[in-house]
Amino acid sequence: MKKLIILAVMTVFLAATAFAEDLSGMTDQELIALYQQVQEEMMRRGLPDGPETTEQAEIRKRVVAFFSAWNSNDPDTMMTMCDSGWRAIAEDPRAKLFGILANRTPQDVVIESVNEIAGEGPDGLVYYLVTVTSVLDRNNGTAPERYRLRFLVRKEEDGLWYINPDGLDTCEKAEEEIPAEETADPILYYQPDGGEYYHLDQNCRRVNPKYLPLQGSFPYAELNSEPYRHLKPCEICGAPPVPEGENISDETAEADPFHFSTFGEAVNMASGPEITYGITSEGYGAALIEKDGRYYRAVTFFDDRATELYAAYLNTISPDQGVFGEEEYQTLETYLMTLPVQYTEELIVAPLPQEELDAMAGRTIAEVMSLPWEMQMCSYPEDAEAGKDITFHLAKGFWNYDLVINESYEVYSERRAGDSYDPVTVMSLKNYEDLTVRYVKYAGISHNVLNLHYRQDGTREDLKEPEFEDYDLMVEIADLLAAAWENGEPGPEEKAALMAELTEEHPEAADLIRQMVESFHR
């Protein structure tokens, strides 16, 4: 009913003022001034607010995302949420936005009201006036203070709401104490398909990019309701904690029985068979912990200092000269132990049943790597010799398996002689796919337990392979990479330059080149 009440009061008020004219002829500033007068009249008459509409809820989400990008100093994301009309008339939209923000950083956002302006705007679009308060840090040494800001949003042809940032340029001081009924109820985001965390940032960097922006959302007030009560707060994007005094479900409490404060504490408890913890090139460390027959993965992410130390370590590696950067790695490792554990999660480490393994006998390697098994080839047989089993190493989820083939050593060695890539790559695998399985056996827990591309249940997030089958080109690219890796693995900048050069030469194979460069080893 809120919309109807606003429209009714607007009609009465317009009839009694000099503003009883066609709204389409008014400027944005005139519309804002008119609406503020209407709001004052509504408050004077004691007219009640009604339930929030779907459009108002969508606008709230958009505003929260905008302020989150502002807080993260992400002008690129903010620009994508600025309305097209504002961007069209600005000579340099990005520079204008910088001028409006004036080096201020919002520390929070409290949305006080989201109200439609009656009638269409001059451009025929629907406008809302949003009023928020935010603690703004001017980054000039003075204490942050709370201000009230008002700005317009409009719904454009793509169905999304866009912000006119001009209103952020002027603001008034707001009272420091916010009434209880106006306290922040931020919109939280999650991945409906198996997500474990709730996020304040719809594009949180913890989440695999293919799930961004997160599609599931709910207000903070519903955090302890189904189906959200089992989610955990994401510390990476600053998601608010479960309200003090609320009961967290037993399932959630059991999921993280450790509550480590530092990664070093997690590593001290690491007790997986053969695998304890690892530091990855993707900017995180992970530790495997076994407790009462259950497995847990504790994770910390690099901060800026850890990223610098990792780069320094990479720059010292020179295998041909026998230099492996032990000292630099030790420095990185020592520092990483002081970082906080971002989250701990239980892993479902369940190997394939023996019946499934027995069913692979007589199949080809290609078949066991396809549905329903989807085994992944890890490496060639080690020290293959005539008269001994030829054993390939595979993995599925969090378990390793050894696959013994029926074919003789002579058949295998003939295939291997024409293949110079290790570990097994897509193109080299073609040489072995028709070999047949004698039997498959367990070979222990896989290093996949430390790979965040693997979900808690052992399924992999990035199974999609490039739809490209020019194997001659794949071999050509692999030869170039082998040459680039001759003196050790290149650093991130060298890899990026190589990737750009190859992609420019073979744009049709861009996805393939990216995957090969990211995964190549010599």
Protein backbone atom coordinates (compact mmCIF):
# COMPACT_ATOMS: atom_id res chain seq x y z
CA MET A 1 0.00 0.00 0.00
CA LYS A 2 2.97 2.30 0.37
CA LYS A 3 3.02 3.18 -3.31
CA LEU A 4 -0.71 4.00 -3.36
CA ILE A 5 -0.44 6.21 -0.28
CA ILE A 6 2.46 8.14 -1.76
CA LEU A 7 0.60 8.68 -5.00
CA ALA A 8 -2.58 9.83 -3.26
CA VAL A 9 -0.79 12.31 -1.04
CA MET A 10 1.26 13.50 -3.99
CA THR A 11 -1.94 14.32 -5.91
CA VAL A 12 -3.47 16.29 -3.02
CA PHE A 13 -0.24 18.14 -2.35
CA LEU A 14 0.34 19.01 -5.98
CA ALA A 15 -3.17 20.41 -6.29
CA ALA A 16 -2.50 22.79 -3.40
CA THR A 17 0.88 24.03 -4.67
CA ALA A 18 2.41 25.72 -7.66
CA PHE A 19 3.98 22.40 -8.66
CA ALA A 20 0.76 21.09 -10.23
CA GLU A 21 2.35 20.70 -13.63
CA ASP A 22 3.49 17.87 -15.87
CA LEU A 23 6.25 15.99 -13.96
CA SER A 24 7.95 15.11 -17.21
CA GLY A 25 9.08 18.71 -17.56
CA MET A 26 10.88 18.78 -14.22
CA THR A 27 14.60 18.29 -13.69
CA ASP A 28 16.01 15.64 -11.37
CA GLN A 29 16.81 18.28 -8.73
CA GLU A 30 13.24 19.65 -8.88
CA LEU A 31 11.83 16.14 -8.49
CA ILE A 32 14.00 15.53 -5.43
CA ALA A 33 12.93 18.85 -3.86
CA LEU A 34 9.27 18.09 -4.57
CA TYR A 35 9.52 14.62 -3.11
CA GLN A 36 11.15 15.89 0.06
CA GLN A 37 8.23 18.29 0.54
CA VAL A 38 5.78 15.42 0.08
CA GLN A 39 7.68 13.31 2.61
CA GLU A 40 7.50 16.11 5.17
CA GLU A 41 3.75 16.43 4.59
CA MET A 42 3.31 12.66 5.01
CA MET A 43 5.21 12.73 8.30
CA ARG A 44 3.14 15.72 9.51
CA ARG A 45 -0.09 13.83 8.80
CA GLY A 46 1.24 10.63 10.40
CA LEU A 47 0.67 8.48 7.34
CA PRO A 48 2.07 4.96 7.90
CA ASP A 49 4.62 3.08 5.84
CA GLY A 50 3.56 -0.19 4.20
CA PRO A 51 5.43 -3.40 3.33
CA GLU A 52 8.45 -3.14 1.09
CA THR A 53 7.83 -3.89 -2.58
CA THR A 54 9.94 -6.20 -4.72
CA GLU A 55 11.38 -3.19 -6.54
CA GLN A 56 12.41 -1.58 -3.27
CA ALA A 57 14.15 -4.81 -2.21
CA GLU A 58 16.01 -4.94 -5.54
CA ILE A 59 17.10 -1.33 -5.12
CA ARG A 60 18.37 -2.06 -1.60
CA LYS A 61 20.53 -4.88 -2.97
CA ARG A 62 21.90 -2.62 -5.68
CA VAL A 63 22.73 0.15 -3.22
CA VAL A 64 24.48 -2.29 -0.87
CA ALA A 65 26.55 -3.63 -3.81
CA PHE A 66 27.44 -0.05 -4.86
CA PHE A 67 28.60 0.92 -1.37
CA SER A 68 30.48 -2.36 -1.03
CA ALA A 69 32.41 -1.53 -4.24
CA TRP A 70 33.01 1.99 -2.92
CA ASN A 71 34.33 0.59 0.36
CA SER A 72 36.64 -1.75 -1.60
CA ASN A 73 37.92 1.12 -3.76
CA ASP A 74 36.56 -0.58 -6.88
CA PRO A 75 35.55 2.26 -9.23
CA ASP A 76 35.23 -0.11 -12.19
CA THR A 77 32.40 -1.98 -10.50
CA MET A 78 30.82 1.29 -9.37
CA MET A 79 30.87 2.60 -12.94
CA THR A 80 28.86 -0.42 -14.11
CA MET A 81 26.14 0.58 -11.64
CA CYS A 82 25.99 4.29 -12.59
CA ASP A 83 23.02 5.21 -14.78
CA SER A 84 23.65 5.55 -18.50
CA GLY A 85 22.21 9.07 -18.67
CA TRP A 86 24.68 10.32 -16.09
CA ARG A 87 27.55 8.63 -17.89
CA ALA A 88 26.44 10.00 -21.27
CA ILE A 89 26.52 13.67 -20.24
CA ALA A 90 29.76 13.45 -18.26
CA GLU A 91 32.80 14.42 -20.30
CA ASP A 92 34.91 11.91 -18.38
CA PRO A 93 32.56 9.75 -16.23
CA ARG A 94 35.37 8.03 -14.34
CA ALA A 95 37.08 11.30 -13.47
CA LYS A 96 33.75 12.81 -12.44
CA LEU A 97 33.04 9.85 -10.18
CA PHE A 98 36.44 10.26 -8.53
CA GLY A 99 35.62 13.92 -7.92
CA ILE A 100 32.27 13.04 -6.34
CA LEU A 101 33.76 10.40 -4.05
CA ALA A 102 36.40 12.94 -2.95
CA ASN A 103 38.72 10.31 -1.46
CA ARG A 104 36.05 9.29 1.05
CA THR A 105 35.54 5.69 2.15
CA PRO A 106 32.19 4.46 3.53
CA GLN A 107 32.54 2.17 6.52
CA ASP A 108 28.93 1.03 6.44
CA VAL A 109 25.59 1.85 4.83
CA VAL A 110 22.20 2.12 6.52
CA ILE A 111 19.32 2.44 4.06
CA GLU A 112 16.70 4.64 5.70
CA SER A 113 14.17 4.82 2.87
CA VAL A 114 13.59 3.77 -0.73
CA ASN A 115 10.62 5.63 -2.19
CA GLU A 116 9.22 6.00 -5.69
CA ILE A 117 8.84 9.44 -7.22
CA ALA A 118 5.30 9.67 -8.66
CA GLY A 119 5.04 9.93 -12.43
CA GLU A 120 7.69 9.30 -15.03
CA GLY A 121 10.96 11.17 -15.22
CA PRO A 122 11.86 13.39 -18.19
CA ASP A 123 13.36 10.33 -19.91
CA GLY A 124 10.28 8.15 -19.42
CA LEU A 125 11.98 5.95 -16.79
CA VAL A 126 10.85 5.18 -13.24
CA TYR A 127 12.85 6.92 -10.51
CA TYR A 128 13.23 6.25 -6.80
CA LEU A 129 14.80 8.46 -4.16
CA VAL A 130 17.11 6.59 -1.80
CA THR A 131 18.13 8.00 1.58
CA VAL A 132 21.03 6.39 3.42
CA THR A 133 23.37 7.17 6.27
CA SER A 134 26.99 6.10 6.24
CA VAL A 135 30.06 6.57 8.38
CA LEU A 136 32.44 8.28 5.94
CA ASP A 137 36.18 8.30 6.41
CA ARG A 138 37.68 11.29 4.61
CA ASN A 139 41.14 9.68 4.80
CA ASN A 140 42.68 12.94 5.97
CA GLY A 141 43.50 12.02 9.56
CA THR A 142 40.19 13.21 11.02
CA ALA A 143 37.77 10.84 12.74
CA PRO A 144 35.10 9.29 10.48
CA GLU A 145 31.60 10.72 10.93
CA ARG A 146 28.08 9.64 9.99
CA TYR A 147 26.42 11.50 7.13
CA ARG A 148 23.06 11.33 5.43
CA LEU A 149 23.05 11.10 1.62
CA ARG A 150 20.19 11.20 -0.89
CA PHE A 151 20.43 10.10 -4.50
CA LEU A 152 18.28 8.95 -7.40
CA VAL A 153 18.11 5.47 -8.89
CA ARG A 154 16.31 4.50 -12.05
CA LYS A 155 15.30 1.29 -13.78
CA GLU A 156 16.75 1.02 -17.28
CA GLU A 157 15.81 -1.13 -20.25
CA ASP A 158 17.79 -4.16 -19.06
CA GLY A 159 15.57 -4.33 -15.96
CA LEU A 160 18.37 -3.35 -13.55
CA TRP A 161 18.53 -0.36 -11.24
CA TYR A 162 21.24 2.25 -11.80
CA ILE A 163 22.49 4.96 -9.48
CA ASN A 164 22.97 8.66 -10.22
CA PRO A 165 26.04 9.40 -8.07
CA ASP A 166 25.57 13.19 -8.15
CA GLY A 167 23.66 12.96 -4.87
CA LEU A 168 26.74 11.55 -3.14
CA ASP A 169 28.52 14.86 -3.67
CA THR A 170 26.56 16.67 -0.98
CA CYS A 171 25.63 15.28 2.38
CA GLU A 172 24.52 16.38 5.82
CA LYS A 173 25.72 15.16 9.17
CA ALA A 174 23.47 12.54 10.72
CA GLU A 175 22.98 11.75 14.37
CA GLU A 176 25.53 9.21 15.59
CA GLU A 177 22.95 7.08 17.37
CA ILE A 178 20.61 5.37 14.94
CA PRO A 179 17.16 4.39 16.27
CA ALA A 180 16.73 0.65 16.74
CA GLU A 181 14.06 0.46 14.04
CA GLU A 182 16.50 1.95 11.54
CA THR A 183 19.56 -0.21 12.24
CA ALA A 184 21.22 -1.81 9.25
CA ASP A 185 19.63 -4.93 7.78
CA PRO A 186 22.10 -5.60 4.97
CA ILE A 187 21.38 -7.87 2.07
CA LEU A 188 23.48 -11.03 2.18
CA TYR A 189 24.37 -13.24 -0.78
CA TYR A 190 24.99 -16.96 -1.18
CA GLN A 191 25.29 -19.68 -3.79
CA PRO A 192 21.96 -21.61 -3.76
CA ASP A 193 23.56 -24.66 -5.38
CA GLY A 194 25.62 -26.01 -2.49
CA GLY A 195 27.04 -22.77 -1.09
CA GLU A 196 28.44 -22.99 2.43
CA TYR A 197 28.95 -19.29 3.23
CA TYR A 198 26.94 -16.09 3.15
CA HIS A 199 28.60 -12.99 1.74
CA LEU A 200 28.27 -9.24 1.99
CA ASP A 201 29.85 -8.81 -1.45
CA GLN A 202 27.83 -10.26 -4.33
CA ASN A 203 31.14 -10.72 -6.20
CA CYS A 204 33.23 -12.02 -3.30
CA ARG A 205 36.67 -13.25 -4.40
CA ARG A 206 36.32 -16.40 -2.29
CA VAL A 207 33.68 -17.69 -4.74
CA ASN A 208 34.61 -19.37 -8.01
CA PRO A 209 34.16 -16.71 -10.74
CA LYS A 210 31.74 -18.88 -12.70
CA TYR A 211 29.17 -18.46 -9.88
CA LEU A 212 29.50 -14.65 -9.81
CA PRO A 213 27.56 -12.57 -9.24
CA LEU A 214 25.94 -14.71 -6.54
CA GLN A 215 22.27 -15.28 -7.33
CA GLY A 216 20.88 -16.15 -3.90
CA SER A 217 20.14 -13.33 -1.45
CA PHE A 218 18.28 -12.67 1.79
CA PRO A 219 18.13 -9.94 4.46
CA TYR A 220 20.35 -10.23 7.52
CA ALA A 221 17.25 -10.48 9.73
CA GLU A 222 16.48 -13.92 8.22
CA LEU A 223 19.95 -15.32 8.88
CA ASN A 224 18.78 -17.76 11.53
CA SER A 225 15.86 -19.02 9.43
CA GLU A 226 15.74 -21.88 6.96
CA PRO A 227 17.37 -22.38 4.54
CA TYR A 228 20.05 -19.89 5.64
CA ARG A 229 20.71 -20.91 9.25
CA HIS A 230 23.39 -23.44 8.26
CA LEU A 231 25.48 -20.89 6.33
CA LYS A 232 28.68 -19.47 7.80
CA PRO A 233 29.88 -15.84 7.53
CA CYS A 234 32.55 -15.11 4.93
CA GLU A 235 35.41 -13.19 6.55
CA ILE A 236 36.92 -12.33 3.18
CA CYS A 237 34.22 -9.81 2.22
CA GLY A 238 33.34 -8.84 5.80
CA ALA A 239 29.97 -10.54 6.08
CA PRO A 240 28.39 -9.74 9.46
CA PRO A 241 28.57 -12.46 12.11
CA VAL A 242 25.61 -14.38 13.45
CA PRO A 243 23.82 -12.02 15.89
CA GLU A 244 25.10 -12.36 19.45
CA GLY A 245 22.90 -14.63 21.48
CA GLU A 246 21.49 -16.46 18.47
CA ASN A 247 21.75 -20.23 18.47
CA ILE A 248 23.88 -21.64 15.68
CA SER A 249 22.67 -25.02 14.51
CA ASP A 250 24.47 -28.08 15.80
CA GLU A 251 25.37 -28.99 12.22
CA THR A 252 27.12 -25.65 11.69
CA ALA A 253 28.94 -25.87 15.03
CA GLU A 254 30.18 -29.36 14.23
CA ALA A 255 31.43 -28.22 10.82
CA ASP A 256 34.16 -26.13 12.49
CA PRO A 257 35.08 -27.64 15.87
CA PHE A 258 38.52 -25.98 15.95
CA HIS A 259 38.13 -22.19 15.70
CA PHE A 260 41.81 -21.62 14.92
CA SER A 261 43.10 -18.08 15.27
CA THR A 262 46.19 -18.55 13.07
CA PHE A 263 47.17 -20.83 10.22
CA GLY A 264 50.11 -22.01 12.30
CA GLU A 265 47.69 -23.50 14.85
CA ALA A 266 45.98 -25.43 12.06
CA VAL A 267 49.29 -26.71 10.67
CA ASN A 268 50.31 -27.90 14.14
CA MET A 269 47.20 -30.10 14.15
CA ALA A 270 47.58 -31.23 10.54
CA SER A 271 47.65 -35.01 10.56
CA GLY A 272 46.52 -36.35 7.22
CA PRO A 273 48.21 -39.51 5.86
CA GLU A 274 51.28 -38.31 3.92
CA ILE A 275 49.58 -34.95 3.25
CA THR A 276 49.51 -32.25 5.91
CA TYR A 277 49.47 -28.76 4.38
CA GLY A 278 50.43 -26.84 1.27
CA ILE A 279 51.00 -23.32 -0.05
CA THR A 280 49.66 -22.67 -3.54
CA SER A 281 50.39 -20.32 -6.43
CA GLU A 282 46.73 -19.24 -6.31
CA GLY A 283 47.31 -17.23 -3.16
CA TYR A 284 46.26 -19.44 -0.26
CA GLY A 285 47.48 -22.03 2.18
CA ALA A 286 45.49 -25.12 3.21
CA ALA A 287 45.99 -27.69 5.95
CA LEU A 288 44.42 -31.15 6.22
CA ILE A 289 43.37 -32.24 9.70
CA GLU A 290 42.10 -35.68 10.71
CA LYS A 291 40.01 -35.93 13.87
CA ASP A 292 38.01 -38.95 15.01
CA GLY A 293 38.10 -40.43 11.52
CA ARG A 294 36.83 -37.22 9.89
CA TYR A 295 38.81 -34.85 7.68
CA TYR A 296 38.85 -31.05 7.77
CA ARG A 297 40.45 -28.40 5.58
CA ALA A 298 41.65 -25.15 7.18
CA VAL A 299 42.31 -22.29 4.77
CA THR A 300 44.11 -18.95 4.91
CA PHE A 301 44.46 -16.43 2.06
CA PHE A 302 47.53 -14.39 1.18
CA ASP A 303 47.58 -10.76 2.21
CA ASP A 304 49.73 -8.20 0.34
CA ARG A 305 52.86 -9.12 2.33
CA ALA A 306 52.46 -12.84 1.67
CA THR A 307 51.98 -12.11 -2.04
CA GLU A 308 55.25 -10.16 -2.08
CA LEU A 309 57.09 -12.96 -0.29
CA TYR A 310 55.73 -15.56 -2.70
CA ALA A 311 56.87 -13.49 -5.69
CA ALA A 312 60.32 -13.15 -4.12
CA TYR A 313 60.45 -16.92 -3.66
CA LEU A 314 59.51 -17.56 -7.31
CA ASN A 315 62.21 -15.18 -8.51
CA THR A 316 64.92 -17.20 -6.78
CA ILE A 317 64.04 -20.59 -8.28
CA SER A 318 66.55 -21.88 -10.84
CA PRO A 319 66.48 -25.70 -10.97
CA ASP A 320 69.22 -25.92 -13.60
CA GLN A 321 71.57 -24.11 -11.22
CA GLY A 322 70.41 -26.10 -8.23
CA VAL A 323 68.75 -23.08 -6.62
CA PHE A 324 65.28 -23.66 -5.19
CA GLY A 325 64.77 -20.64 -2.96
CA GLU A 326 64.74 -22.57 0.33
CA GLU A 327 65.45 -19.46 2.40
CA GLU A 328 62.80 -17.37 0.64
CA TYR A 329 60.27 -20.18 0.96
CA GLN A 330 61.01 -20.49 4.67
CA THR A 331 60.41 -16.75 5.09
CA LEU A 332 57.08 -17.05 3.27
CA GLU A 333 56.09 -20.12 5.27
CA THR A 334 56.95 -18.50 8.60
CA TYR A 335 54.92 -15.41 7.77
CA LEU A 336 51.96 -17.46 6.52
CA MET A 337 51.74 -19.20 9.89
CA THR A 338 50.84 -15.86 11.49
CA LEU A 339 47.87 -15.18 9.18
CA PRO A 340 44.33 -15.87 10.40
CA VAL A 341 42.47 -18.99 9.33
CA GLN A 342 39.66 -17.71 7.13
CA TYR A 343 37.51 -20.82 7.46
CA THR A 344 37.58 -24.52 8.31
CA GLU A 345 35.34 -27.04 6.53
CA GLU A 346 34.74 -30.75 6.83
CA LEU A 347 35.53 -32.85 3.75
CA ILE A 348 33.53 -35.82 2.65
CA VAL A 349 36.42 -38.20 1.97
CA ALA A 350 34.63 -41.27 0.65
CA PRO A 351 36.44 -43.51 -1.86
CA LEU A 352 34.66 -45.33 -4.65
CA PRO A 353 33.22 -48.68 -3.48
CA GLN A 354 35.10 -51.80 -4.53
CA GLU A 355 32.25 -52.80 -6.85
CA GLU A 356 32.81 -49.61 -8.85
CA LEU A 357 36.52 -50.32 -9.12
CA ASP A 358 35.90 -53.93 -10.18
CA ALA A 359 33.48 -52.72 -12.87
CA MET A 360 36.33 -50.86 -14.58
CA ALA A 361 38.12 -54.11 -15.52
CA GLY A 362 38.16 -54.57 -19.28
CA ARG A 363 37.30 -50.91 -19.93
CA THR A 364 39.58 -48.53 -21.78
CA ILE A 365 41.34 -45.64 -20.08
CA ALA A 366 39.08 -43.29 -22.06
CA GLU A 367 36.01 -45.02 -20.60
CA VAL A 368 37.14 -44.82 -16.98
CA MET A 369 37.84 -41.12 -17.48
CA SER A 370 34.28 -40.56 -18.74
CA LEU A 371 30.92 -40.84 -17.01
CA PRO A 372 30.05 -42.34 -14.63
CA TRP A 373 33.55 -42.57 -13.15
CA GLU A 374 35.31 -39.42 -14.40
CA MET A 375 38.71 -40.50 -13.18
CA GLN A 376 41.50 -38.00 -13.82
CA MET A 377 44.92 -39.00 -15.10
CA CYS A 378 47.68 -37.67 -12.81
CA SER A 379 50.93 -39.04 -14.20
CA TYR A 380 52.64 -41.74 -16.21
CA PRO A 381 53.79 -45.05 -14.70
CA GLU A 382 56.89 -44.56 -12.59
CA ASP A 383 59.94 -46.64 -13.48
CA ALA A 384 57.96 -48.86 -15.87
CA GLU A 385 59.91 -52.04 -16.61
CA ALA A 386 59.43 -55.14 -18.72
CA GLY A 387 57.81 -57.95 -16.79
CA LYS A 388 56.21 -55.60 -14.23
CA ASP A 389 52.74 -54.12 -14.01
CA ILE A 390 52.29 -50.93 -16.03
CA THR A 391 50.47 -48.70 -13.55
CA PHE A 392 48.93 -45.30 -14.31
CA HIS A 393 48.11 -42.95 -11.44
CA LEU A 394 44.60 -41.46 -11.38
CA ALA A 395 42.45 -39.50 -8.97
CA LYS A 396 38.78 -38.89 -8.34
CA GLY A 397 37.72 -36.43 -5.70
CA PHE A 398 39.93 -36.77 -2.65
CA TRP A 399 41.29 -40.26 -3.43
CA ASN A 400 44.16 -41.55 -5.57
CA TYR A 401 43.92 -44.80 -7.51
CA ASP A 402 46.40 -47.01 -9.32
CA LEU A 403 45.22 -48.35 -12.67
CA VAL A 404 47.04 -51.39 -14.06
CA ILE A 405 46.70 -52.01 -17.80
CA ASN A 406 46.44 -55.29 -19.72
CA GLU A 407 48.89 -54.27 -22.44
CA SER A 408 52.55 -55.27 -22.38
CA TYR A 409 55.53 -53.14 -21.53
CA GLU A 410 56.45 -53.06 -25.22
CA VAL A 411 53.10 -51.51 -26.17
CA TYR A 412 53.38 -48.91 -23.43
CA SER A 413 57.03 -48.01 -24.18
CA GLU A 414 56.19 -47.54 -27.87
CA ARG A 415 53.45 -45.05 -26.93
CA ARG A 416 55.66 -43.31 -24.39
CA ALA A 417 58.58 -42.93 -26.81
CA GLY A 418 56.66 -40.44 -28.89
CA ASP A 419 55.49 -38.37 -25.92
CA SER A 420 57.68 -35.82 -24.16
CA TYR A 421 55.15 -34.16 -21.85
CA ASP A 422 54.94 -34.82 -18.15
CA PRO A 423 52.64 -34.79 -16.27
CA VAL A 424 50.05 -36.17 -18.65
CA THR A 425 48.45 -33.47 -20.79
CA VAL A 426 45.34 -33.51 -22.95
CA MET A 427 47.27 -34.11 -26.14
CA SER A 428 49.56 -36.81 -24.76
CA LEU A 429 46.64 -38.67 -23.21
CA LYS A 430 45.37 -39.44 -26.69
CA ASN A 431 48.27 -41.88 -26.99
CA TYR A 432 46.94 -44.05 -24.16
CA GLU A 433 43.14 -43.80 -24.20
CA ASP A 434 42.63 -47.13 -25.95
CA LEU A 435 44.69 -49.11 -23.43
CA THR A 436 42.54 -51.47 -21.36
CA VAL A 437 42.18 -51.89 -17.61
CA ARG A 438 43.23 -55.05 -15.79
CA TYR A 439 42.31 -53.74 -12.34
CA VAL A 440 42.14 -50.57 -10.21
CA LYS A 441 43.12 -50.24 -6.55
CA TYR A 442 43.16 -47.49 -3.91
CA ALA A 443 46.37 -45.53 -3.47
CA GLY A 444 45.60 -43.10 -0.63
CA ILE A 445 44.31 -39.56 -0.20
CA SER A 446 44.94 -37.16 -3.06
CA HIS A 447 46.52 -33.70 -2.90
CA ASN A 448 43.14 -32.53 -4.17
CA VAL A 449 42.18 -32.16 -0.50
CA LEU A 450 44.29 -28.98 -0.49
CA ASN A 451 42.85 -27.67 -3.77
CA LEU A 452 40.01 -25.17 -3.27
CA HIS A 453 38.70 -25.96 -6.74
CA TYR A 454 37.37 -29.10 -5.08
CA ARG A 455 34.21 -28.73 -3.05
CA GLN A 456 33.67 -30.38 0.32
CA ASP A 457 32.12 -33.44 -1.34
CA GLY A 458 35.14 -33.91 -3.61
CA THR A 459 33.48 -32.68 -6.81
CA ARG A 460 35.48 -30.28 -8.93
CA GLU A 461 34.23 -26.81 -9.82
CA ASP A 462 36.08 -26.32 -13.11
CA LEU A 463 35.52 -29.52 -15.06
CA LYS A 464 34.78 -27.72 -18.33
CA GLU A 465 37.49 -28.30 -20.91
CA PRO A 466 38.03 -26.06 -23.92
CA GLU A 467 36.04 -27.17 -26.96
CA PHE A 468 39.09 -27.38 -29.16
CA GLU A 469 40.64 -30.43 -30.82
CA ASP A 470 43.51 -29.19 -32.99
CA TYR A 471 46.07 -31.53 -31.45
CA ASP A 472 48.84 -30.45 -33.80
CA LEU A 473 48.45 -26.91 -32.46
CA MET A 474 48.31 -28.25 -28.90
CA VAL A 475 51.63 -30.01 -29.40
CA GLU A 476 53.08 -26.86 -30.96
CA ILE A 477 52.01 -24.78 -27.97
CA ALA A 478 53.34 -27.40 -25.56
CA ASP A 479 56.73 -27.30 -27.32
CA LEU A 480 56.84 -23.51 -26.91
CA LEU A 481 55.94 -23.82 -23.23
CA ALA A 482 58.57 -26.49 -22.71
CA ALA A 483 61.18 -24.11 -24.11
CA ALA A 484 59.92 -21.27 -21.89
CA TRP A 485 60.16 -23.57 -18.84
CA GLU A 486 63.68 -24.74 -19.74
CA ASN A 487 65.34 -22.67 -16.99
CA GLY A 488 62.58 -23.13 -14.45
CA GLU A 489 58.97 -22.04 -14.18
CA PRO A 490 58.50 -18.43 -15.34
CA GLY A 491 57.06 -15.82 -12.99
CA PRO A 492 53.48 -14.47 -13.25
CA GLU A 493 54.47 -11.55 -15.51
CA GLU A 494 56.36 -13.77 -17.93
CA LYS A 495 53.44 -16.21 -18.03
CA ALA A 496 51.00 -13.39 -18.74
CA ALA A 497 53.17 -12.04 -21.56
CA LEU A 498 53.54 -15.52 -23.07
CA MET A 499 49.81 -16.12 -22.83
CA ALA A 500 49.07 -12.79 -24.55
CA GLU A 501 51.56 -13.53 -27.35
CA LEU A 502 50.13 -16.99 -28.03
CA THR A 503 46.54 -15.77 -27.85
CA GLU A 504 47.25 -12.99 -30.35
CA GLU A 505 48.70 -15.56 -32.73
CA HIS A 506 45.94 -18.15 -32.13
CA PRO A 507 42.80 -16.29 -30.93
CA GLU A 508 40.62 -19.30 -31.71
CA ALA A 509 42.47 -21.28 -29.01
CA ALA A 510 42.38 -18.63 -26.24
CA ASP A 511 40.79 -20.89 -23.59
CA LEU A 512 43.12 -23.76 -24.41
CA ILE A 513 46.21 -21.52 -24.22
CA ARG A 514 45.14 -20.12 -20.85
CA GLN A 515 44.61 -23.59 -19.37
CA MET A 516 47.88 -24.93 -20.77
CA VAL A 517 49.94 -21.99 -19.49
CA GLU A 518 48.31 -22.14 -16.04
CA SER A 519 48.81 -25.90 -15.65
CA PHE A 520 52.05 -26.53 -17.53
CA HIS A 521 54.97 -28.19 -15.74
CA ARG A 522 58.23 -29.55 -17.06
